[in-house]
Amino acid sequence: MIALAPFLAIFGPIWTFATSRVGLPLVVAGGIVFTYEGVPIGPLRYIPYAGPALASLVDGRVDRQYAAGQLNERLVWQEQQRKALAAQTAKAAAEQAELDAISQNYFDKRVLDKVAIASLEDALKAEKEKTDADPKGAGACRVAIPGRVSTQLDAVGR
């Protein structure tokens, strides 16, 4: 009992007050506040490894609900970001497919134009050979532009 004397000297009056008529409601109210609010630890919460461990010991219900709400909002935001990224990727793929189709049509048209130009040039050569072979029929239908100028203008146009 002598070993408990210093302990009882300090905590005896506290125990007497806590079990008294006035002290008991204060202890209950303090317990409720501690349960809901916890112990404010301030910037100690941000110490790596030790902060989260300490916070898990002394945080109250309010802090736990706040952390759960933050986590929920973060997950919702990340899901919205994933959906927006998927929509943006799908839109970019659709636009790229449209551009690919347009460029393919352009190159196909260029090939067809080259074939048409080659056939027209063959027709012009045949007409020129026919005109050169038959000088009588070349009077009024002869081309007013010399062949050299026509070839140079044709090369500029392509």
Protein backbone atom coordinates (compact mmCIF):
# COMPACT_ATOMS: atom_id res chain seq x y z
CA MET A 1 0.00 0.00 0.00
CA ILE A 2 2.94 2.29 0.56
CA ALA A 3 3.91 1.85 -3.11
CA LEU A 4 0.47 3.08 -4.13
CA ALA A 5 0.62 6.16 -1.92
CA PRO A 6 2.06 8.55 -4.55
CA PHE A 7 -0.36 7.23 -7.12
CA LEU A 8 -3.32 7.66 -4.77
CA ALA A 9 -2.10 11.08 -3.69
CA ILE A 10 -2.34 12.30 -7.27
CA PHE A 11 -5.27 10.31 -8.64
CA GLY A 12 -7.34 10.00 -5.45
CA PRO A 13 -8.84 13.48 -5.65
CA ILE A 14 -9.32 13.09 -9.43
CA TRP A 15 -11.18 9.81 -8.87
CA THR A 16 -13.28 11.37 -6.15
CA PHE A 17 -14.20 14.30 -8.42
CA ALA A 18 -14.88 12.02 -11.42
CA THR A 19 -17.32 9.93 -9.41
CA SER A 20 -19.00 12.91 -7.78
CA ARG A 21 -22.33 14.38 -8.74
CA VAL A 22 -20.79 17.19 -10.79
CA GLY A 23 -17.75 15.34 -12.07
CA LEU A 24 -19.53 12.31 -13.53
CA PRO A 25 -21.49 14.31 -16.14
CA LEU A 26 -18.28 16.16 -17.03
CA VAL A 27 -16.41 12.86 -17.47
CA VAL A 28 -19.24 11.48 -19.64
CA ALA A 29 -19.36 14.68 -21.71
CA GLY A 30 -15.58 14.60 -22.05
CA GLY A 31 -15.73 10.96 -23.14
CA ILE A 32 -18.34 11.77 -25.76
CA VAL A 33 -16.31 14.71 -27.09
CA PHE A 34 -13.16 12.56 -27.12
CA THR A 35 -15.02 9.80 -28.98
CA TYR A 36 -16.34 12.14 -31.65
CA GLU A 37 -13.54 14.68 -31.95
CA GLY A 38 -10.46 12.76 -30.82
CA VAL A 39 -7.24 14.39 -29.74
CA PRO A 40 -6.02 17.24 -31.93
CA ILE A 41 -2.52 16.32 -33.03
CA GLY A 42 -2.05 19.09 -35.58
CA PRO A 43 1.04 18.85 -37.78
CA LEU A 44 2.15 15.60 -36.15
CA ARG A 45 -0.31 13.99 -38.55
CA TYR A 46 2.04 14.68 -41.48
CA ILE A 47 5.09 12.83 -40.12
CA PRO A 48 5.73 9.86 -42.43
CA TYR A 49 4.76 6.47 -40.96
CA ALA A 50 4.36 7.81 -37.39
CA GLY A 51 1.70 10.40 -38.25
CA PRO A 52 -0.85 7.98 -39.72
CA ALA A 53 -0.21 5.49 -36.88
CA LEU A 54 -0.73 8.19 -34.26
CA ALA A 55 -3.77 9.52 -36.08
CA SER A 56 -5.36 6.07 -36.16
CA LEU A 57 -4.99 5.91 -32.36
CA VAL A 58 -6.30 9.35 -31.39
CA ASP A 59 -8.64 10.36 -34.22
CA GLY A 60 -12.28 10.59 -33.37
CA ARG A 61 -15.33 9.57 -35.33
CA VAL A 62 -15.48 12.92 -37.11
CA ASP A 63 -11.92 12.57 -38.44
CA ARG A 64 -12.55 8.98 -39.55
CA GLN A 65 -15.71 10.00 -41.39
CA TYR A 66 -13.89 12.94 -42.94
CA ALA A 67 -11.10 10.64 -44.17
CA ALA A 68 -13.68 8.16 -45.51
CA GLY A 69 -15.47 11.00 -47.32
CA GLN A 70 -12.18 12.19 -48.82
CA LEU A 71 -11.43 8.68 -50.02
CA ASN A 72 -14.92 8.34 -51.51
CA GLU A 73 -14.65 11.68 -53.31
CA ARG A 74 -11.17 10.80 -54.60
CA LEU A 75 -12.47 7.50 -55.98
CA VAL A 76 -15.43 9.23 -57.66
CA TRP A 77 -13.11 11.84 -59.15
CA GLN A 78 -10.69 9.17 -60.42
CA GLU A 79 -13.57 7.26 -62.01
CA GLN A 80 -14.75 10.43 -63.73
CA GLN A 81 -11.20 11.05 -64.94
CA ARG A 82 -11.01 7.50 -66.33
CA LYS A 83 -14.34 7.97 -68.13
CA ALA A 84 -13.26 11.33 -69.55
CA LEU A 85 -9.95 9.85 -70.73
CA ALA A 86 -11.76 6.92 -72.36
CA ALA A 87 -14.18 9.31 -74.09
CA GLN A 88 -11.31 11.51 -75.24
CA THR A 89 -9.42 8.49 -76.54
CA ALA A 90 -12.49 7.23 -78.40
CA LYS A 91 -13.07 10.68 -79.91
CA ALA A 92 -9.42 10.92 -80.99
CA ALA A 93 -9.60 7.45 -82.54
CA ALA A 94 -12.78 8.37 -84.44
CA GLU A 95 -11.22 11.61 -85.69
CA GLN A 96 -8.05 9.75 -86.72
CA ALA A 97 -10.11 7.17 -88.59
CA GLU A 98 -11.93 9.98 -90.39
CA LEU A 99 -8.62 11.64 -91.30
CA ASP A 100 -7.24 8.31 -92.52
CA ALA A 101 -10.30 7.81 -94.72
CA ILE A 102 -9.99 11.32 -96.15
CA SER A 103 -6.29 10.88 -96.91
CA GLN A 104 -6.92 7.45 -98.47
CA ASN A 105 -9.61 8.96 -100.69
CA TYR A 106 -7.19 11.73 -101.66
CA PHE A 107 -4.44 9.27 -102.63
CA ASP A 108 -6.92 7.07 -104.50
CA LYS A 109 -8.11 10.13 -106.43
CA ARG A 110 -4.50 11.06 -107.24
CA VAL A 111 -3.92 7.58 -108.68
CA LEU A 112 -7.09 7.84 -110.76
CA ASP A 113 -6.04 11.33 -111.89
CA LYS A 114 -2.63 10.02 -112.94
CA VAL A 115 -4.29 7.28 -114.97
CA ALA A 116 -6.66 9.82 -116.56
CA ILE A 117 -3.80 12.21 -117.32
CA ALA A 118 -1.73 9.42 -118.84
CA SER A 119 -4.64 8.39 -121.06
CA LEU A 120 -5.18 12.02 -122.11
CA GLU A 121 -1.47 12.43 -122.87
CA ASP A 122 -1.60 9.23 -124.93
CA ALA A 123 -4.61 10.62 -126.79
CA LEU A 124 -2.80 13.91 -127.41
CA LYS A 125 0.28 12.07 -128.69
CA ALA A 126 -1.89 9.97 -130.96
CA GLU A 127 -3.64 13.11 -132.22
CA LYS A 128 -0.31 14.85 -132.76
CA GLU A 129 1.10 11.87 -134.63
CA LYS A 130 -2.05 11.78 -136.72
CA THR A 131 -1.76 15.50 -137.40
CA ASP A 132 1.94 15.24 -138.20
CA ALA A 133 1.30 12.32 -140.54
CA ASP A 134 -1.52 14.14 -142.34
CA PRO A 135 -0.44 17.78 -142.86
CA LYS A 136 -3.56 18.63 -144.91
CA GLY A 137 -6.01 18.19 -142.02
CA ALA A 138 -3.97 20.26 -139.61
CA GLY A 139 -5.12 23.70 -140.75
CA ALA A 140 -7.76 25.08 -138.43
CA CYS A 141 -7.50 22.59 -135.52
CA ARG A 142 -3.84 23.07 -134.83
CA VAL A 143 -2.97 23.97 -131.20
CA ALA A 144 -1.98 27.62 -130.77
CA ILE A 145 0.44 26.84 -127.90
CA PRO A 146 3.77 25.28 -128.84
CA GLY A 147 4.48 21.81 -127.45
CA ARG A 148 7.39 22.96 -125.27
CA VAL A 149 5.24 25.62 -123.52
CA SER A 150 2.37 23.14 -123.12
CA THR A 151 4.67 20.57 -121.51
CA GLN A 152 6.15 23.15 -119.12
CA LEU A 153 2.70 24.44 -118.12
CA ASP A 154 1.54 20.87 -117.62
CA ALA A 155 4.50 20.19 -115.31
CA VAL A 156 3.71 23.30 -113.26
CA GLY A 157 0.09 22.20 -112.84
CA ARG A 158 1.03 18.90 -111.14
